[in-house]
Amino acid sequence: MGFLVYHIHLIEADRIGLRLIRPLTIGGEQGLFSKHIPAMAAANEKWELSAQALLSLAGLEGGESLAILFDLTPRSPEKLDLYELISVSGRTVSIITDALFHFKVACSGVRTKFAASGEDELIIPNWRHRPDRYEQMRLEGGVKGGNWAWSEPPQAMSATVL
């Protein structure tokens, strides 16, 4: 489970190929939020970052061919639950950051398919017109510091659809 950067390409109008590039660390003391949000929040406590802006902050350039997916896959080798991160907006104060993540449901409970070439490429249905999902999370970090760890949420991830 976590944020992963994938190279994506359209195979057909209804299928997309995904090749894992690397994990993306957002929380924690070495994550993107701890490195960039304090400076953004010093100017204005409310901020917003698109997925492409997060990729740029991570030093990854690829335009529309890269996507950040959040992996919620259960411990089943046959199932796959991925959400594409569209943007994240938030409010950062002294030692707390509340962040609202905007996702697109890429696939939910789909059996995994791999490319016939034997490469580690997933093939999933095109998700661009699927529903949006929003998740609010809190990090223990702000303009005055913190460890930027995810706080205990009041509900488990995916417990609420807004």
Protein backbone atom coordinates (compact mmCIF):
# COMPACT_ATOMS: atom_id res chain seq x y z
CA MET A 1 0.00 0.00 0.00
CA GLY A 2 1.29 3.43 -0.84
CA PHE A 3 1.89 6.01 -3.54
CA LEU A 4 3.56 4.60 -6.66
CA VAL A 5 4.70 6.30 -9.87
CA TYR A 6 3.70 4.46 -13.03
CA HIS A 7 4.48 5.01 -16.68
CA ILE A 8 1.13 4.76 -18.45
CA HIS A 9 0.26 4.32 -22.10
CA LEU A 10 -2.94 3.77 -24.00
CA ILE A 11 -3.10 0.31 -25.56
CA GLU A 12 -6.60 0.65 -27.00
CA ALA A 13 -9.45 3.06 -26.28
CA ASP A 14 -10.56 0.87 -23.39
CA ARG A 15 -7.23 -0.48 -22.04
CA ILE A 16 -4.19 1.15 -20.42
CA GLY A 17 -0.76 -0.35 -19.77
CA LEU A 18 1.03 0.42 -16.50
CA ARG A 19 4.72 -0.08 -15.78
CA LEU A 20 5.95 0.65 -12.25
CA ILE A 21 8.68 3.31 -12.10
CA ARG A 22 9.16 3.66 -8.32
CA PRO A 23 7.44 4.38 -5.00
CA LEU A 24 6.79 8.02 -4.10
CA THR A 25 7.27 9.10 -0.50
CA ILE A 26 4.86 11.87 0.44
CA GLY A 27 4.71 11.65 4.24
CA GLY A 28 7.49 11.19 6.79
CA GLU A 29 10.53 13.30 7.53
CA GLN A 30 12.07 12.63 4.08
CA GLY A 31 8.83 12.90 2.10
CA LEU A 32 7.78 15.53 -0.38
CA PHE A 33 5.45 17.24 2.07
CA SER A 34 8.16 17.82 4.71
CA LYS A 35 10.50 19.24 2.07
CA HIS A 36 8.08 21.57 0.29
CA ILE A 37 4.87 22.28 2.21
CA PRO A 38 6.41 24.43 5.03
CA ALA A 39 7.70 26.99 2.50
CA MET A 40 4.38 26.97 0.62
CA ALA A 41 2.41 27.33 3.87
CA ALA A 42 4.62 30.18 5.12
CA ALA A 43 3.29 32.28 2.24
CA ASN A 44 -0.29 31.04 2.54
CA GLU A 45 -1.52 28.34 4.92
CA LYS A 46 -3.81 26.98 2.18
CA TRP A 47 -2.12 25.28 -0.77
CA GLU A 48 -2.81 22.93 -3.68
CA LEU A 49 -0.61 20.64 -5.74
CA SER A 50 -1.54 18.72 -8.87
CA ALA A 51 -0.13 15.24 -9.40
CA GLN A 52 2.14 16.69 -12.08
CA ALA A 53 3.43 19.29 -9.60
CA LEU A 54 4.21 16.51 -7.08
CA LEU A 55 6.08 14.61 -9.79
CA SER A 56 8.10 17.74 -10.58
CA LEU A 57 8.94 18.20 -6.89
CA ALA A 58 10.16 14.57 -6.90
CA GLY A 59 12.40 15.31 -9.90
CA LEU A 60 10.31 13.22 -12.28
CA GLU A 61 9.34 14.71 -15.61
CA GLY A 62 7.18 12.77 -18.01
CA GLY A 63 4.08 14.81 -18.57
CA GLU A 64 0.95 12.81 -19.23
CA SER A 65 2.89 9.54 -19.50
CA LEU A 66 3.47 9.42 -15.72
CA ALA A 67 0.79 8.99 -13.07
CA ILE A 68 0.76 8.66 -9.29
CA LEU A 69 -1.39 5.76 -8.18
CA PHE A 70 -2.36 4.91 -4.61
CA ASP A 71 -2.30 1.16 -4.08
CA LEU A 72 -5.04 -0.18 -1.80
CA THR A 73 -4.70 -3.76 -3.02
CA PRO A 74 -5.70 -6.40 -0.48
CA ARG A 75 -3.39 -9.31 0.17
CA SER A 76 -4.76 -11.21 -2.81
CA PRO A 77 -2.47 -11.82 -5.79
CA GLU A 78 -5.48 -11.78 -8.11
CA LYS A 79 -7.08 -8.51 -7.06
CA LEU A 80 -6.00 -4.96 -7.73
CA ASP A 81 -7.26 -1.70 -6.19
CA LEU A 82 -5.60 1.44 -7.55
CA TYR A 83 -6.61 5.10 -7.34
CA GLU A 84 -4.99 7.75 -9.53
CA LEU A 85 -3.98 10.87 -7.60
CA ILE A 86 -5.31 13.94 -9.39
CA SER A 87 -4.42 16.61 -6.83
CA VAL A 88 -3.96 17.28 -3.15
CA SER A 89 -4.93 20.48 -1.38
CA GLY A 90 -4.58 21.40 2.22
CA ARG A 91 -4.14 23.71 5.11
CA THR A 92 -0.92 23.79 7.09
CA VAL A 93 -0.53 25.46 10.46
CA SER A 94 2.14 25.21 13.17
CA ILE A 95 2.49 21.42 13.52
CA ILE A 96 -0.54 20.00 11.68
CA THR A 97 -1.34 19.58 7.99
CA ASP A 98 -4.81 18.59 6.87
CA ALA A 99 -4.76 17.34 3.30
CA LEU A 100 -7.61 16.52 0.93
CA PHE A 101 -6.62 14.01 -1.73
CA HIS A 102 -8.56 13.95 -5.00
CA PHE A 103 -8.42 10.53 -6.68
CA LYS A 104 -9.88 8.84 -9.75
CA VAL A 105 -10.82 5.19 -9.18
CA ALA A 106 -8.46 3.44 -11.62
CA CYS A 107 -9.51 -0.08 -10.78
CA SER A 108 -11.28 -1.73 -7.91
CA GLY A 109 -11.23 -5.47 -7.34
CA VAL A 110 -10.03 -6.14 -10.89
CA ARG A 111 -8.14 -9.33 -11.62
CA THR A 112 -4.58 -8.47 -12.65
CA LYS A 113 -3.47 -9.00 -16.24
CA PHE A 114 0.10 -8.86 -17.43
CA ALA A 115 1.32 -8.07 -20.92
CA ALA A 116 1.89 -11.08 -23.15
CA SER A 117 5.51 -10.05 -23.72
CA GLY A 118 6.43 -11.25 -20.23
CA GLU A 119 7.31 -7.74 -19.07
CA ASP A 120 6.10 -6.46 -15.71
CA GLU A 121 3.35 -4.42 -17.27
CA LEU A 122 -0.19 -4.39 -15.94
CA ILE A 123 -3.06 -3.98 -18.35
CA ILE A 124 -6.22 -2.52 -16.85
CA PRO A 125 -9.41 -0.93 -18.19
CA ASN A 126 -9.23 2.76 -19.08
CA TRP A 127 -10.32 4.62 -15.93
CA ARG A 128 -10.40 8.22 -17.17
CA HIS A 129 -14.22 8.40 -16.99
CA ARG A 130 -14.63 6.56 -13.69
CA PRO A 131 -15.87 8.24 -10.49
CA ASP A 132 -13.88 10.65 -8.37
CA ARG A 133 -13.07 9.88 -4.75
CA TYR A 134 -11.85 12.22 -2.02
CA GLU A 135 -9.98 11.29 1.14
CA GLN A 136 -9.02 13.67 3.93
CA MET A 137 -5.91 12.81 5.91
CA ARG A 138 -3.91 14.53 8.63
CA LEU A 139 -0.14 14.72 8.90
CA GLU A 140 1.75 15.63 12.06
CA GLY A 141 3.90 18.32 10.52
CA GLY A 142 3.63 21.99 9.70
CA VAL A 143 5.50 25.27 9.36
CA LYS A 144 7.12 24.78 12.78
CA GLY A 145 8.23 21.21 12.11
CA GLY A 146 7.04 17.74 12.98
CA ASN A 147 7.72 14.22 11.79
CA TRP A 148 5.17 14.40 8.94
CA ALA A 149 3.74 11.01 9.87
CA TRP A 150 0.16 10.17 9.04
CA SER A 151 -2.03 10.70 12.09
CA GLU A 152 -4.53 8.11 13.15
CA PRO A 153 -7.55 8.91 10.99
CA PRO A 154 -11.01 8.98 12.50
CA GLN A 155 -11.99 6.39 9.88
CA ALA A 156 -10.03 3.86 7.87
CA MET A 157 -8.99 4.78 4.34
CA SER A 158 -11.91 4.40 1.94
CA ALA A 159 -14.46 4.36 4.75
CA THR A 160 -16.18 7.46 3.41
CA VAL A 161 -16.99 8.60 -0.10
CA LEU A 162 -17.63 12.32 -0.41
